[in-house]
Protein backbone atom coordinates (compact mmCIF):
# COMPACT_ATOMS: atom_id res chain seq x y z
CA MET A 1 -0.01 -0.14 -0.21
CA GLN A 2 1.02 3.69 -0.69
CA GLU A 3 0.66 6.53 1.11
CA LYS A 4 -2.04 8.60 -0.01
CA ASP A 5 -0.51 12.32 -0.35
CA ALA A 6 1.36 13.03 -3.54
CA SER A 7 5.19 13.09 -3.62
CA SER A 8 7.46 15.79 -4.87
CA GLN A 9 8.05 15.87 -8.46
CA GLY A 10 5.15 13.86 -9.68
CA PHE A 11 6.19 10.90 -8.75
CA LEU A 12 3.66 8.13 -7.06
CA PRO A 13 3.64 8.53 -3.43
CA HIS A 14 6.05 6.78 -1.12
CA PHE A 15 5.41 3.30 0.29
CA GLN A 16 3.28 3.32 3.23
CA HIS A 17 5.38 2.35 6.64
CA PHE A 18 8.73 1.80 4.60
CA ALA A 19 10.67 3.70 7.53
CA THR A 20 9.19 1.55 10.22
CA GLN A 21 9.52 -1.48 8.57
CA ALA A 22 13.39 -1.20 7.97
CA ILE A 23 13.69 -0.43 11.46
CA HIS A 24 11.70 -2.91 13.27
CA VAL A 25 10.84 -5.97 10.88
CA GLY A 26 13.01 -9.01 11.98
CA GLN A 27 14.65 -7.41 14.70
CA GLU A 28 12.36 -8.15 17.39
CA PRO A 29 14.61 -8.36 20.66
CA GLU A 30 12.55 -11.13 22.00
CA GLN A 31 14.62 -13.68 19.64
CA TRP A 32 17.52 -13.21 21.82
CA THR A 33 18.08 -14.53 25.23
CA SER A 34 19.46 -11.03 25.86
CA ARG A 35 16.81 -8.82 24.65
CA ALA A 36 19.26 -7.18 22.77
CA VAL A 37 17.74 -4.23 20.74
CA VAL A 38 20.23 -4.26 18.00
CA PRO A 39 20.73 -7.79 16.72
CA LEU A 40 23.73 -9.48 17.40
CA ILE A 41 26.75 -10.62 15.29
CA SER A 42 26.40 -14.52 15.15
CA LEU A 43 29.79 -15.61 13.94
CA SER A 44 29.04 -19.26 15.06
CA THR A 45 29.47 -21.61 12.17
CA THR A 46 27.33 -24.51 14.36
CA PHE A 47 24.66 -24.63 16.54
CA LYS A 48 23.88 -27.07 19.31
CA GLN A 49 20.95 -29.75 18.49
CA ALA A 50 18.59 -30.82 21.38
CA ALA A 51 18.98 -34.48 19.88
CA PRO A 52 19.88 -35.91 16.53
CA GLY A 53 18.15 -34.02 13.98
CA GLN A 54 16.23 -31.79 16.44
CA HIS A 55 17.66 -27.99 15.91
CA SER A 56 16.16 -25.24 17.07
CA GLY A 57 16.23 -23.15 13.60
CA PHE A 58 19.57 -23.60 13.09
CA GLU A 59 22.14 -26.12 12.08
CA TYR A 60 25.26 -24.75 10.11
CA SER A 61 25.85 -21.24 9.19
CA ARG A 62 25.78 -21.59 5.25
CA SER A 63 22.41 -23.20 5.70
CA GLY A 64 21.06 -20.32 7.77
CA ASN A 65 22.36 -17.87 10.04
CA PRO A 66 20.43 -15.98 13.13
CA THR A 67 22.05 -12.40 11.82
CA ARG A 68 21.30 -13.21 8.31
CA ASN A 69 17.87 -14.25 8.91
CA CYS A 70 17.26 -10.88 10.60
CA LEU A 71 18.42 -8.95 7.30
CA GLU A 72 16.64 -11.38 4.96
CA LYS A 73 13.25 -10.52 7.02
CA ALA A 74 13.91 -7.03 6.93
CA VAL A 75 14.63 -7.11 3.10
CA ALA A 76 11.49 -9.00 2.59
CA ALA A 77 9.19 -6.44 4.18
CA LEU A 78 10.80 -3.51 2.13
CA ASP A 79 10.58 -5.31 -1.25
CA GLY A 80 6.79 -6.00 -0.40
CA ALA A 81 7.72 -10.06 -0.57
CA LYS A 82 7.11 -12.97 1.56
CA TYR A 83 10.59 -14.36 1.10
CA CYS A 84 14.23 -12.66 0.82
CA LEU A 85 17.68 -14.66 0.47
CA ALA A 86 20.91 -12.90 0.80
CA PHE A 87 23.96 -13.76 -1.31
CA ALA A 88 27.56 -13.20 -0.76
CA SER A 89 27.66 -10.66 -3.76
CA GLY A 90 25.01 -9.53 -6.51
CA LEU A 91 26.72 -12.17 -9.10
CA ALA A 92 26.46 -14.47 -6.50
CA ALA A 93 22.79 -14.19 -6.74
CA THR A 94 22.66 -13.81 -10.62
CA VAL A 95 24.57 -17.32 -10.69
CA THR A 96 22.15 -18.93 -8.23
CA ILE A 97 19.36 -17.30 -10.33
CA THR A 98 20.57 -19.05 -13.20
CA HIS A 99 20.81 -22.35 -11.78
CA LEU A 100 16.89 -22.63 -11.94
CA LEU A 101 17.79 -23.31 -15.74
CA LYS A 102 18.95 -26.35 -17.54
CA ALA A 103 21.41 -26.23 -20.72
CA GLY A 104 19.41 -25.57 -23.77
CA ASP A 105 17.14 -23.03 -22.12
CA GLN A 106 17.04 -19.07 -23.19
CA ILE A 107 17.80 -16.38 -21.05
CA ILE A 108 16.58 -12.73 -22.70
CA CYS A 109 18.75 -10.11 -21.23
CA MET A 110 18.52 -6.27 -21.20
CA ASP A 111 21.05 -5.08 -23.96
CA ASP A 112 22.09 -2.48 -21.46
CA VAL A 113 22.83 -3.91 -18.40
CA TYR A 114 25.75 -3.99 -15.72
CA GLY A 115 29.05 -5.38 -17.17
CA GLY A 116 29.67 -8.20 -14.64
CA THR A 117 26.12 -9.54 -15.48
CA ASN A 118 26.91 -8.92 -19.15
CA ARG A 119 30.43 -10.53 -19.10
CA TYR A 120 28.88 -13.73 -17.01
CA PHE A 121 26.07 -14.42 -19.37
CA ARG A 122 28.33 -13.91 -22.61
CA GLN A 123 31.53 -15.42 -21.36
CA VAL A 124 29.94 -17.80 -18.80
CA ALA A 125 26.70 -19.13 -18.68
CA SER A 126 26.58 -19.45 -22.40
CA GLU A 127 29.62 -22.10 -21.72
CA PHE A 128 26.86 -24.31 -19.79
CA GLY A 129 24.72 -24.13 -22.59
CA LEU A 130 22.26 -21.84 -21.83
CA LYS A 131 21.41 -19.50 -24.90
CA ILE A 132 21.54 -16.04 -24.31
CA SER A 133 20.09 -13.35 -26.32
CA PHE A 134 20.43 -9.27 -25.77
CA VAL A 135 17.08 -7.35 -26.56
CA ASP A 136 16.22 -3.87 -25.90
CA CYS A 137 13.33 -4.59 -23.28
CA SER A 138 12.16 -1.27 -23.03
CA LYS A 139 10.60 -1.69 -26.40
CA ILE A 140 7.93 -4.18 -25.57
CA LYS A 141 7.85 -5.59 -29.34
CA LEU A 142 11.24 -6.25 -29.49
CA LEU A 143 10.88 -8.56 -26.39
CA GLU A 144 7.87 -10.19 -27.42
CA ALA A 145 9.55 -11.03 -30.82
CA ALA A 146 12.45 -12.15 -29.14
CA ILE A 147 10.57 -14.77 -27.22
CA THR A 148 10.70 -18.83 -28.24
CA PRO A 149 9.78 -21.76 -26.56
CA GLU A 150 13.09 -22.12 -25.32
CA THR A 151 12.68 -18.82 -23.14
CA LYS A 152 12.84 -19.78 -19.56
CA LEU A 153 13.86 -16.28 -18.17
CA VAL A 154 13.79 -12.65 -18.94
CA TRP A 155 16.18 -10.59 -17.01
CA ILE A 156 15.83 -6.80 -17.28
CA GLU A 157 17.05 -3.93 -15.45
CA THR A 158 15.63 -0.58 -14.77
CA PRO A 159 16.86 1.89 -15.18
CA THR A 160 19.80 0.19 -16.57
CA ASN A 161 23.69 0.23 -16.32
CA PRO A 162 24.99 3.01 -17.56
CA VAL A 163 22.79 4.72 -19.67
CA LEU A 164 19.79 4.83 -17.67
CA LYS A 165 16.81 3.25 -19.96
CA MET A 166 13.59 2.42 -18.35
CA THR A 167 11.53 -0.77 -18.84
CA ASP A 168 7.89 -0.68 -18.25
CA ILE A 169 7.73 -3.61 -15.82
CA GLU A 170 3.98 -4.29 -15.71
CA ALA A 171 3.84 -4.53 -19.62
CA CYS A 172 6.78 -6.70 -19.53
CA ALA A 173 5.07 -8.92 -16.89
CA HIS A 174 2.16 -9.16 -19.29
CA ILE A 175 3.83 -9.89 -22.21
CA VAL A 176 6.54 -12.57 -20.68
CA HIS A 177 3.65 -14.31 -18.32
CA LYS A 178 1.32 -14.74 -21.05
CA ARG A 179 3.68 -16.90 -23.13
CA GLY A 180 4.28 -19.83 -20.61
CA ASP A 181 6.49 -20.50 -18.01
CA ILE A 182 9.12 -17.79 -18.04
CA ILE A 183 10.83 -16.41 -14.79
CA LEU A 184 10.81 -12.38 -15.34
CA VAL A 185 13.73 -11.25 -13.15
CA VAL A 186 14.07 -7.45 -12.43
CA ASP A 187 17.85 -6.02 -11.25
CA ASN A 188 16.69 -3.30 -8.84
CA THR A 189 19.85 -2.38 -7.66
CA PHE A 190 19.51 1.43 -9.26
CA MET A 191 16.70 2.25 -7.54
CA SER A 192 16.07 0.15 -4.17
CA PRO A 193 12.54 -0.66 -2.90
CA TYR A 194 12.28 2.86 -1.62
CA PHE A 195 11.78 4.08 -5.01
CA GLN A 196 10.52 0.91 -7.03
CA ARG A 197 8.88 -2.71 -6.24
CA PRO A 198 9.21 -4.96 -9.02
CA LEU A 199 7.50 -7.53 -7.14
CA ALA A 200 4.27 -5.38 -6.83
CA LEU A 201 4.24 -4.54 -11.31
CA GLY A 202 4.55 -8.31 -11.74
CA ALA A 203 7.98 -9.59 -11.40
CA ASP A 204 8.93 -13.06 -10.25
CA ILE A 205 12.18 -12.22 -8.90
CA CYS A 206 13.44 -8.94 -7.43
CA MET A 207 17.15 -8.98 -6.93
CA CYS A 208 20.12 -6.25 -6.13
CA SER A 209 23.45 -5.45 -5.60
CA ALA A 210 23.11 -4.97 -1.88
CA THR A 211 26.58 -3.23 -2.13
CA LYS A 212 24.92 -0.23 -3.31
CA TYR A 213 21.84 1.60 -1.94
CA MET A 214 20.67 -1.00 0.43
CA ASN A 215 23.78 -0.94 2.26
CA GLY A 216 24.82 2.33 1.66
CA HIS A 217 28.06 2.77 2.99
CA SER A 218 30.63 1.05 0.57
CA ASP A 219 31.98 -1.35 3.08
CA VAL A 220 29.63 -4.69 2.14
CA VAL A 221 29.72 -6.78 -0.71
CA MET A 222 26.37 -8.30 -1.16
CA GLY A 223 23.30 -9.30 -3.31
CA LEU A 224 19.67 -9.81 -2.14
CA VAL A 225 16.68 -12.12 -3.85
CA SER A 226 13.34 -11.32 -2.90
CA VAL A 227 10.41 -13.66 -4.16
CA ASN A 228 6.62 -14.26 -3.19
CA CYS A 229 6.46 -17.57 -4.78
CA GLU A 230 7.16 -20.50 -2.34
CA ARG A 231 7.93 -22.91 -4.68
CA LEU A 232 10.32 -20.62 -6.11
CA HIS A 233 11.77 -19.70 -2.87
CA ASN A 234 12.31 -23.29 -1.89
CA ARG A 235 14.47 -23.92 -5.04
CA LEU A 236 16.29 -20.99 -4.26
CA ARG A 237 17.05 -21.54 -0.72
CA PHE A 238 18.28 -25.24 -1.93
CA LEU A 239 20.01 -23.49 -4.54
CA GLN A 240 21.54 -21.10 -2.04
CA ASN A 241 22.77 -23.69 0.33
CA SER A 242 23.71 -25.88 -1.98
CA LEU A 243 25.91 -23.54 -4.08
CA GLY A 244 27.05 -22.04 -0.61
CA ALA A 245 27.50 -18.17 -2.37
CA VAL A 246 26.22 -16.90 1.37
CA PRO A 247 27.02 -13.68 3.05
CA SER A 248 29.17 -13.30 6.50
CA PRO A 249 27.29 -12.52 9.76
CA LEU A 250 29.19 -9.59 9.90
CA ASP A 251 28.13 -8.21 6.09
CA CYS A 252 24.58 -8.92 6.91
CA TYR A 253 25.10 -6.90 10.57
CA LEU A 254 26.35 -4.00 8.51
CA CYS A 255 23.62 -4.31 5.37
CA ASN A 256 21.03 -4.68 8.18
CA ARG A 257 22.05 -1.19 10.03
CA GLY A 258 22.24 0.27 6.41
CA LEU A 259 18.52 -0.45 5.99
CA LYS A 260 17.56 1.70 9.25
CA THR A 261 18.81 4.86 7.43
CA LEU A 262 17.75 4.19 3.80
CA HIS A 263 14.88 5.96 3.52
CA VAL A 264 16.52 9.25 4.89
CA ARG A 265 19.41 8.71 2.54
CA MET A 266 17.66 7.84 -0.58
CA GLU A 267 15.54 11.35 -0.01
CA LYS A 268 18.76 13.01 0.22
CA HIS A 269 20.06 11.07 -3.32
CA PHE A 270 17.29 12.31 -5.16
CA LYS A 271 17.52 16.03 -3.81
CA ASN A 272 21.33 16.20 -4.73
CA GLY A 273 20.51 14.18 -7.56
CA MET A 274 18.30 16.72 -8.99
CA ALA A 275 19.99 19.48 -8.39
CA VAL A 276 23.23 18.08 -10.29
CA ALA A 277 21.06 17.12 -13.40
CA GLN A 278 19.77 20.42 -13.53
CA PHE A 279 22.58 22.06 -13.56
CA LEU A 280 24.66 19.63 -15.99
CA GLU A 281 21.82 20.25 -18.17
CA SER A 282 22.29 23.88 -18.47
CA ASN A 283 25.91 23.68 -18.56
CA PRO A 284 27.58 24.72 -21.85
CA GLY A 285 30.17 22.09 -21.61
CA VAL A 286 27.64 19.19 -21.53
CA GLU A 287 26.12 17.35 -24.31
CA LYS A 288 23.28 15.74 -23.12
CA VAL A 289 21.95 14.59 -19.39
CA ILE A 290 20.22 11.19 -18.82
CA TYR A 291 18.31 11.33 -15.37
CA PRO A 292 14.57 9.95 -14.93
CA GLY A 293 13.96 12.92 -12.63
CA LEU A 294 14.18 15.68 -15.53
CA PRO A 295 11.38 16.31 -17.95
CA SER A 296 13.59 15.81 -20.65
CA TYR A 297 14.13 12.22 -20.02
CA PRO A 298 12.70 10.22 -22.66
CA GLN A 299 10.34 7.89 -20.53
CA HIS A 300 10.13 10.76 -17.75
CA GLU A 301 6.08 9.59 -17.65
CA LEU A 302 6.83 5.71 -17.41
CA ALA A 303 9.44 6.94 -14.53
CA LYS A 304 6.75 8.79 -12.66
CA ARG A 305 4.32 6.14 -13.24
CA GLN A 306 6.32 3.31 -12.08
CA CYS A 307 8.80 4.95 -9.14
CA THR A 308 8.07 7.15 -6.24
CA GLY A 309 11.22 8.88 -7.09
CA CYS A 310 14.84 8.58 -8.13
CA THR A 311 18.34 7.90 -6.98
CA GLY A 312 21.40 10.13 -7.74
CA MET A 313 22.38 7.85 -10.57
CA ILE A 314 23.01 10.43 -13.46
CA THR A 315 24.55 10.00 -16.80
CA PHE A 316 25.91 12.55 -19.15
CA TYR A 317 27.68 13.12 -22.22
CA ILE A 318 30.76 15.86 -21.91
CA LYS A 319 31.16 17.98 -24.61
CA GLY A 320 34.38 17.10 -26.66
CA THR A 321 36.46 13.67 -26.85
CA LEU A 322 38.11 11.59 -24.30
CA GLN A 323 40.83 14.02 -23.46
CA HIS A 324 38.04 16.32 -22.41
CA ALA A 325 36.49 13.58 -20.15
CA GLU A 326 39.90 12.62 -18.88
CA ILE A 327 40.77 16.36 -17.86
CA PHE A 328 37.10 16.54 -16.11
CA LEU A 329 37.65 13.35 -14.50
CA LYS A 330 41.14 14.53 -13.21
CA ASN A 331 40.05 17.74 -11.69
CA LEU A 332 37.07 16.62 -9.40
CA LYS A 333 37.92 17.02 -5.91
CA LEU A 334 34.96 15.61 -4.20
CA PHE A 335 33.69 13.10 -6.55
CA THR A 336 35.99 10.17 -6.27
CA LEU A 337 37.22 8.37 -9.22
CA ALA A 338 36.01 4.84 -8.64
CA GLU A 339 33.48 2.00 -9.55
CA SER A 340 30.58 1.10 -7.67
CA LEU A 341 27.89 3.26 -6.92
CA GLY A 342 25.00 4.13 -4.15
CA GLY A 343 27.57 5.29 -0.89
CA PHE A 344 27.41 8.20 1.11
CA GLU A 345 30.21 9.69 -0.62
CA SER A 346 29.60 10.85 -4.69
CA LEU A 347 31.37 8.68 -7.12
CA VAL A 348 32.28 9.20 -11.03
CA GLU A 349 33.54 6.96 -13.63
CA LEU A 350 34.30 6.46 -17.25
CA PRO A 351 32.27 3.20 -18.01
CA ALA A 352 33.72 2.33 -21.52
CA ILE A 353 37.23 1.95 -19.93
CA MET A 354 35.90 0.72 -16.42
CA THR A 355 32.65 -0.89 -15.18
CA HIS A 356 31.69 -1.99 -18.98
CA ALA A 357 35.29 -2.45 -20.39
CA SER A 358 34.45 -6.06 -21.02
CA VAL A 359 31.42 -5.31 -22.98
CA PRO A 360 32.42 -5.54 -26.66
CA LYS A 361 33.27 -2.18 -28.44
CA ASN A 362 30.69 -2.89 -31.12
CA ASP A 363 27.79 -3.21 -28.39
CA ARG A 364 29.18 -0.26 -26.45
CA ASP A 365 28.93 1.38 -29.70
CA VAL A 366 25.08 0.82 -30.19
CA LEU A 367 24.25 1.49 -26.70
CA GLY A 368 25.90 4.66 -26.46
CA ILE A 369 28.54 3.72 -24.20
CA SER A 370 31.34 6.14 -25.66
CA ASP A 371 34.37 7.52 -24.38
CA THR A 372 32.27 10.70 -23.42
CA LEU A 373 29.86 9.08 -21.44
CA ILE A 374 30.46 9.85 -17.85
CA ARG A 375 28.56 7.83 -14.90
CA LEU A 376 27.93 9.80 -11.50
CA SER A 377 26.69 8.33 -8.48
CA VAL A 378 25.80 11.43 -6.49
CA GLY A 379 26.44 11.15 -2.75
CA LEU A 380 25.04 12.82 0.24
CA GLU A 381 27.14 15.80 0.55
CA ASP A 382 25.87 19.35 0.68
CA GLU A 383 24.66 20.23 -2.62
CA LYS A 384 26.35 23.63 -3.20
CA ASP A 385 29.63 21.69 -2.83
CA LEU A 386 29.01 19.42 -5.16
CA LEU A 387 27.64 21.59 -7.86
CA GLU A 388 30.98 23.93 -7.44
CA ASP A 389 33.09 20.63 -7.62
CA LEU A 390 31.45 19.95 -10.98
CA ASP A 391 31.58 23.54 -12.33
CA GLN A 392 35.24 23.84 -11.95
CA ALA A 393 35.97 20.84 -13.70
CA LEU A 394 33.91 21.10 -16.39
CA LYS A 395 35.75 24.70 -16.71
CA ALA A 396 38.76 22.79 -16.63
CA ALA A 397 38.08 20.56 -19.29
CA HIS A 398 36.33 23.88 -21.43
CA PRO A 399 37.97 26.98 -20.36
CA PRO A 400 35.65 29.78 -20.76
CA SER A 401 36.15 31.69 -23.78
CA GLY A 402 38.96 34.35 -23.12
CA SER A 403 40.24 32.71 -20.31
CA HIS A 404 44.08 32.32 -19.66
CA ASN A 405 45.92 29.27 -18.44
C-alpha cells in the first residue's frame, strides 16, 4: 500500500510504513535471550541440537544464520515480498538464479546491463549450454518477438546501467507471463525498494546488489533476492545452500544497519541528484544529460508512473573527446574516481574504460557507451559543494572563452 499524499516531482506516493518496517521488521529483541535491541552478530558456524536432527532453527551457518535471518526478514518487508535470500554478492545471486535453468534454455537479457552481468551471461553461462539473447526490453515489441519456446528467463534492469533506460515492468510481465512458464527477473539495484517495487508490478524475482544503496556505506559486498512464490523460494533456498555463496554474518549486520537509514539517504540522494542533473543540463560543456527525474528524460512519464522518485545515478555526455572527459575526471575534488555506486560518498567513472570495458566495443557503440559518457553516483554531501566541484572540473575541461592558463 502507498501513502495517499502526493510525492514531490509528480512521482508515485511513497510506500506506506517503509521507514518503520526498515527499523523494526526482523529486529525483535525477543528472539535473543539477552533481549538485545540491536541484532547480534552471530559468528558461530554451527549450532547445538537438542537431540539428533532436533535443531532450534539453525544447524550450520551456510544453511542459515541468525544475523542473516534478521536481514532477510527486513528486506522482504521492504520489497513487499514474502521471502528474501541474501548472497555473497550481486553476481552470486545472479549465478544462483541461473541455476534454476538447464542447458538449452534461453535467457533474454536487457541489452544495456551491468558489465558483470553481461560478462557472466556472455562468457560463462553460455559455456554451460544456456542460450543468451541481448534485447532492448524497453521496447516491448522487441521483447515479445525475441521470446521462443526455449525462453525460460527474462532479465531486465530498470533503469539500466549505465545509460539509464527504463522498462515498463508491468507491460513486460504481461508479455512474459502470457507466453508460458517464463521467470521475469528485475535487477532493482539502481532504484532500491524505496523508489521501486518490481514484485508489485508483476516480476517473479526482484534482485539487487546490496553493495550499493541498500547497504549505502561502501563497506559490504552482497546480493539480495526477493520473491513471493513459495515454490520459487524453496528452490532458490536449496540452491543458496547447495552452491554456498552466502554472505558473512558481519556483512549481514552491516547491511541490516544500513537499512535503518535507507529512507533518509534515498531522499537526500534524490534531492542532490535532481540538483546535479539540472545543473549539468544547463552547462555549456555538457552535450546531454540522462536522468529519469528530468522532464527532458525520454521516459519521464514512465518513471513517474512506476517509481516513487529517483536516486543519485546520473549519466551525461561531456562535449568533446576522451581527452576532455579525462581532464574533467582529473580535476574533480569531491567526486572520487572509482567503480561502484550508491554509497554516502559521490563517485564518478567512465563506463567505456571501467565498469563496461568487458562489453564488446561494437555493443558499447550501439548502446551509446562512448568515451565521453560519464556516470555519476551522487552522494550525500552538501548540494552547493557538489555543484561547485562539477563546475570547476567542467571549466577545466572546457575553459571559458577568453580565459588564460
